[in-house]
Amino acid sequence: MTTPRAFIIRHGETEWSLNGRHTGTSDIPLTANGEKRSRATGKALIGDDRLIVPSKIAHIYVSPRHRAQKTLELLDLGCRDKLPWQESRSHTADVRTNAKVQICEDIREWDYGDYEGITSAEIEERRKANGEAKWDIWRDGCPGGESPAQVTERLDRVIHDIRTRYHDHAIGKSKGEAPVSDVLLVAHGHILRALAMRWIGKELTEGVALLLEAGGVGILSYEHRSVHEPAIVLGGSFMVDMVENVN
């Protein structure tokens, strides 16, 4: 029986993610190590006998930021069509998926507003000097940027789109009857953590005690093959350490 999944992948390392600077609207490129690890993630986790099977991917959502789009390129899923930002299909891998790639504004990173480009420690110093309480993005949002309610609104649109277009029609059906239904999302740290919470119906203001490192992969799915029982998958048949062992 089919249980559809949504794979969430955070873009690879950038200079700003490396030193903890909040990166929302700024488009910072991947580091050389970020590119290397993104390629390694693709080799380790994507394939017919791997965690992410390209032929089972129905749709790919990618942030409008270049760092996310570059990460998707380096994962090398073998898309039939050229990627939306490319003039031609430049990658050389065999076609492995018919999934369409959609640049999705709703999974862009949280707009940090006045906190763009600075670290959490610098934010704390600034707030302390202004007599403000300790910052909690899930409760406070970002001055000059987005609130938790605004982020929730756009993420709920994404979740509705995934479920109505791909998951509702497949869940619980036999493998022979179910359409291709897995989806892939390539985006950013805060927005994907928020997406995971909204996936299971939690309010962002409750606090999001989840981590997703640069280049990290997560899985959203369902319990008991029921679209009414969304779940975050903990663990699986892979280990992050595999990435380090791929040449």
Protein backbone atom coordinates (compact mmCIF):
# COMPACT_ATOMS: atom_id res chain seq x y z
CA MET A 1 0.00 0.00 0.00
CA THR A 2 1.20 3.49 -0.83
CA THR A 3 2.22 6.10 1.72
CA PRO A 4 3.36 9.25 -0.12
CA ARG A 5 6.30 11.25 1.16
CA ALA A 6 7.60 14.79 0.96
CA PHE A 7 11.38 14.99 1.07
CA ILE A 8 12.71 18.30 2.40
CA ILE A 9 16.29 19.29 1.58
CA ARG A 10 18.06 22.34 2.90
CA HIS A 11 20.47 24.04 0.51
CA GLY A 12 24.18 23.37 0.92
CA GLU A 13 26.61 25.36 3.01
CA THR A 14 27.18 29.07 2.30
CA GLU A 15 29.59 31.49 3.96
CA TRP A 16 26.71 32.97 5.90
CA SER A 17 25.29 29.62 7.07
CA LEU A 18 28.81 28.67 8.12
CA ASN A 19 29.18 31.69 10.40
CA GLY A 20 25.57 31.84 11.56
CA ARG A 21 24.41 34.95 9.71
CA HIS A 22 20.69 34.96 8.99
CA THR A 23 20.18 34.66 5.24
CA GLY A 24 16.71 35.41 3.94
CA THR A 25 16.44 37.70 0.93
CA SER A 26 20.21 37.85 0.33
CA ASP A 27 21.37 35.39 -2.31
CA ILE A 28 24.66 34.01 -1.03
CA PRO A 29 26.32 31.31 -3.19
CA LEU A 30 27.30 27.87 -1.96
CA THR A 31 30.84 27.38 -0.75
CA ALA A 32 33.08 24.86 -2.50
CA ASN A 33 32.40 22.49 0.39
CA GLY A 34 28.68 23.15 0.08
CA GLU A 35 28.79 22.14 -3.57
CA LYS A 36 30.86 19.05 -2.79
CA ARG A 37 28.49 17.86 -0.10
CA SER A 38 25.42 18.50 -2.25
CA ARG A 39 26.87 16.28 -4.96
CA ALA A 40 27.68 13.66 -2.34
CA THR A 41 24.15 13.79 -0.95
CA GLY A 42 22.79 13.13 -4.43
CA LYS A 43 25.07 10.13 -4.92
CA ALA A 44 24.35 8.71 -1.48
CA LEU A 45 20.60 9.22 -1.23
CA ILE A 46 19.20 9.40 -4.76
CA GLY A 47 18.80 6.36 -7.02
CA ASP A 48 16.65 3.34 -7.73
CA ASP A 49 18.00 1.56 -4.64
CA ARG A 50 18.31 4.65 -2.43
CA LEU A 51 16.13 6.68 -0.10
CA ILE A 52 14.87 9.01 -2.85
CA VAL A 53 13.85 7.15 -6.01
CA PRO A 54 13.72 9.63 -8.90
CA SER A 55 11.05 7.71 -10.84
CA LYS A 56 8.73 8.00 -7.82
CA ILE A 57 9.01 11.79 -7.61
CA ALA A 58 5.89 13.49 -8.97
CA HIS A 59 6.89 17.11 -8.45
CA ILE A 60 9.80 19.25 -7.26
CA TYR A 61 9.37 22.55 -5.45
CA VAL A 62 12.41 24.80 -5.21
CA SER A 63 12.95 28.18 -3.58
CA PRO A 64 13.57 31.19 -5.86
CA ARG A 65 16.97 31.70 -4.21
CA HIS A 66 20.00 30.69 -6.25
CA ARG A 67 21.58 28.71 -3.40
CA ALA A 68 18.59 26.35 -3.35
CA GLN A 69 18.47 26.06 -7.13
CA LYS A 70 22.19 25.28 -7.30
CA THR A 71 21.71 22.59 -4.66
CA LEU A 72 18.96 21.00 -6.77
CA GLU A 73 21.25 21.00 -9.80
CA LEU A 74 24.02 19.30 -7.84
CA LEU A 75 21.70 16.59 -6.51
CA ASP A 76 21.44 15.47 -10.15
CA LEU A 77 18.01 13.84 -10.11
CA GLY A 78 18.05 13.45 -13.88
CA CYS A 79 15.03 15.61 -14.73
CA ARG A 80 13.64 15.12 -18.24
CA ASP A 81 13.09 18.84 -18.79
CA LYS A 82 15.62 21.62 -18.42
CA LEU A 83 15.47 23.39 -15.11
CA PRO A 84 13.46 26.65 -15.23
CA TRP A 85 16.49 28.91 -14.79
CA GLN A 86 18.56 27.13 -17.46
CA GLU A 87 18.63 27.91 -21.16
CA SER A 88 19.11 24.25 -21.99
CA ARG A 89 19.31 20.90 -20.25
CA SER A 90 22.97 21.17 -19.28
CA HIS A 91 23.36 18.17 -16.97
CA THR A 92 24.57 14.92 -18.49
CA ALA A 93 22.88 12.30 -16.33
CA ASP A 94 20.35 9.93 -17.88
CA VAL A 95 16.71 10.91 -17.51
CA ARG A 96 15.51 9.41 -14.25
CA THR A 97 12.37 11.40 -13.45
CA ASN A 98 9.50 13.06 -15.28
CA ALA A 99 8.86 15.38 -12.33
CA LYS A 100 8.31 19.02 -13.16
CA VAL A 101 10.37 21.61 -11.29
CA GLN A 102 8.43 24.57 -9.90
CA ILE A 103 10.06 27.71 -8.54
CA CYS A 104 7.88 28.24 -5.49
CA GLU A 105 7.84 31.65 -3.80
CA ASP A 106 6.01 30.18 -0.81
CA ILE A 107 9.10 28.18 0.26
CA ARG A 108 11.53 31.08 0.11
CA GLU A 109 13.36 31.60 3.39
CA TRP A 110 11.79 33.57 6.25
CA ASP A 111 12.19 37.30 5.62
CA TYR A 112 14.46 38.36 8.47
CA GLY A 113 13.92 42.07 7.88
CA ASP A 114 16.14 44.08 10.23
CA TYR A 115 17.98 40.90 11.24
CA GLU A 116 19.15 40.03 7.73
CA GLY A 117 22.86 39.25 7.60
CA ILE A 118 23.54 39.26 11.34
CA THR A 119 24.04 36.47 13.85
CA SER A 120 21.84 35.43 16.76
CA ALA A 121 24.48 36.74 19.18
CA GLU A 122 24.38 40.16 17.51
CA ILE A 123 20.60 40.15 17.61
CA GLU A 124 20.69 39.42 21.35
CA GLU A 125 23.11 42.30 21.94
CA ARG A 126 20.90 44.66 19.96
CA ARG A 127 17.74 43.60 21.78
CA LYS A 128 19.42 43.80 25.18
CA ALA A 129 20.58 47.35 24.44
CA ASN A 130 17.00 48.25 23.50
CA GLY A 131 15.55 46.66 26.63
CA GLU A 132 13.81 43.93 24.64
CA ALA A 133 13.24 40.32 25.67
CA LYS A 134 15.33 37.45 24.35
CA TRP A 135 14.47 36.84 20.69
CA ASP A 136 12.36 33.87 19.66
CA ILE A 137 11.64 33.90 15.93
CA TRP A 138 8.76 31.43 16.35
CA ARG A 139 7.02 33.80 18.75
CA ASP A 140 8.26 37.23 17.68
CA GLY A 141 8.95 36.97 13.97
CA CYS A 142 11.34 39.56 12.60
CA PRO A 143 11.03 43.37 12.82
CA GLY A 144 10.82 44.73 9.30
CA GLY A 145 10.33 41.17 8.05
CA GLU A 146 7.77 38.40 8.47
CA SER A 147 5.64 37.31 11.38
CA PRO A 148 4.88 33.65 12.26
CA ALA A 149 1.32 34.21 10.97
CA GLN A 150 2.59 35.37 7.57
CA VAL A 151 4.95 32.40 7.26
CA THR A 152 2.18 30.03 8.33
CA GLU A 153 -0.13 31.39 5.64
CA ARG A 154 2.25 30.66 2.80
CA LEU A 155 3.34 27.28 4.11
CA ASP A 156 -0.24 26.15 4.50
CA ARG A 157 -0.73 26.91 0.80
CA VAL A 158 2.19 24.63 -0.06
CA ILE A 159 0.90 21.80 2.11
CA HIS A 160 -2.58 22.10 0.62
CA ASP A 161 -1.08 22.00 -2.87
CA ILE A 162 0.99 18.88 -2.12
CA ARG A 163 -1.91 17.00 -0.59
CA THR A 164 -4.59 17.89 -3.12
CA ARG A 165 -2.42 17.49 -6.23
CA TYR A 166 -0.30 14.48 -5.30
CA HIS A 167 -0.94 12.75 -1.97
CA ASP A 168 -4.72 12.49 -1.63
CA HIS A 169 -5.02 10.50 -4.86
CA ALA A 170 -2.35 7.97 -3.93
CA ILE A 171 -2.44 7.29 -0.21
CA GLY A 172 -3.67 3.84 0.79
CA LYS A 173 -3.83 2.53 -2.77
CA SER A 174 -1.93 -0.52 -3.96
CA LYS A 175 1.34 0.19 -5.71
CA GLY A 176 -0.16 -0.86 -9.01
CA GLU A 177 -3.07 1.55 -8.68
CA ALA A 178 -1.41 4.57 -7.07
CA PRO A 179 -0.02 7.36 -9.23
CA VAL A 180 3.53 8.60 -8.69
CA SER A 181 3.14 10.74 -5.58
CA ASP A 182 6.37 11.59 -3.72
CA VAL A 183 7.45 15.23 -3.84
CA LEU A 184 10.75 16.98 -3.19
CA LEU A 185 11.28 20.46 -1.72
CA VAL A 186 14.64 22.25 -1.79
CA ALA A 187 14.70 25.35 0.37
CA HIS A 188 16.11 26.77 3.61
CA GLY A 189 16.61 26.06 7.30
CA HIS A 190 13.96 28.09 9.08
CA ILE A 191 11.28 27.71 6.43
CA LEU A 192 11.65 23.92 6.20
CA ARG A 193 11.57 23.53 9.98
CA ALA A 194 8.42 25.64 9.99
CA LEU A 195 6.99 23.52 7.18
CA ALA A 196 7.53 20.35 9.23
CA MET A 197 5.58 21.84 12.13
CA ARG A 198 2.70 22.98 9.94
CA TRP A 199 2.69 19.56 8.26
CA ILE A 200 1.65 18.00 11.57
CA GLY A 201 -0.71 20.84 12.44
CA LYS A 202 1.40 22.58 15.08
CA GLU A 203 1.42 26.35 15.54
CA LEU A 204 4.80 27.99 15.02
CA THR A 205 4.26 29.99 18.19
CA GLU A 206 4.53 26.72 20.15
CA GLY A 207 8.25 26.74 19.30
CA VAL A 208 10.01 24.55 16.76
CA ALA A 209 12.50 22.21 18.43
CA LEU A 210 13.75 20.74 15.15
CA LEU A 211 17.12 21.07 13.45
CA LEU A 212 18.04 20.79 9.77
CA GLU A 213 21.68 21.49 9.01
CA ALA A 214 22.92 22.88 5.71
CA GLY A 215 22.56 20.10 3.14
CA GLY A 216 20.32 18.11 5.50
CA VAL A 217 17.46 15.86 4.37
CA GLY A 218 14.16 15.21 6.15
CA ILE A 219 10.98 13.26 5.41
CA LEU A 220 7.34 14.22 5.93
CA SER A 221 4.72 11.53 5.51
CA TYR A 222 1.71 9.93 7.23
CA GLU A 223 0.89 7.35 9.88
CA HIS A 224 -1.39 4.41 9.13
CA ARG A 225 -1.60 5.42 5.46
CA SER A 226 -4.03 8.17 6.35
CA VAL A 227 -3.85 11.72 5.05
CA HIS A 228 -5.53 12.69 8.31
CA GLU A 229 -2.50 11.50 10.30
CA PRO A 230 0.50 13.49 8.99
CA ALA A 231 3.86 12.64 10.56
CA ILE A 232 7.51 13.58 10.60
CA VAL A 233 9.61 10.51 9.83
CA LEU A 234 12.44 9.99 12.32
CA GLY A 235 15.20 7.84 10.92
CA GLY A 236 14.93 5.51 7.99
CA SER A 237 17.10 3.23 5.92
CA PHE A 238 19.93 5.73 5.55
CA MET A 239 22.52 7.51 7.63
CA VAL A 240 23.85 10.99 7.11
CA ASP A 241 27.35 9.58 7.51
CA MET A 242 26.89 7.85 4.15
CA VAL A 243 27.44 11.19 2.50
CA GLU A 244 31.00 11.38 3.79
CA ASN A 245 31.81 7.99 2.22
CA VAL A 246 30.84 8.83 -1.35
CA ASN A 247 33.73 9.65 -3.69
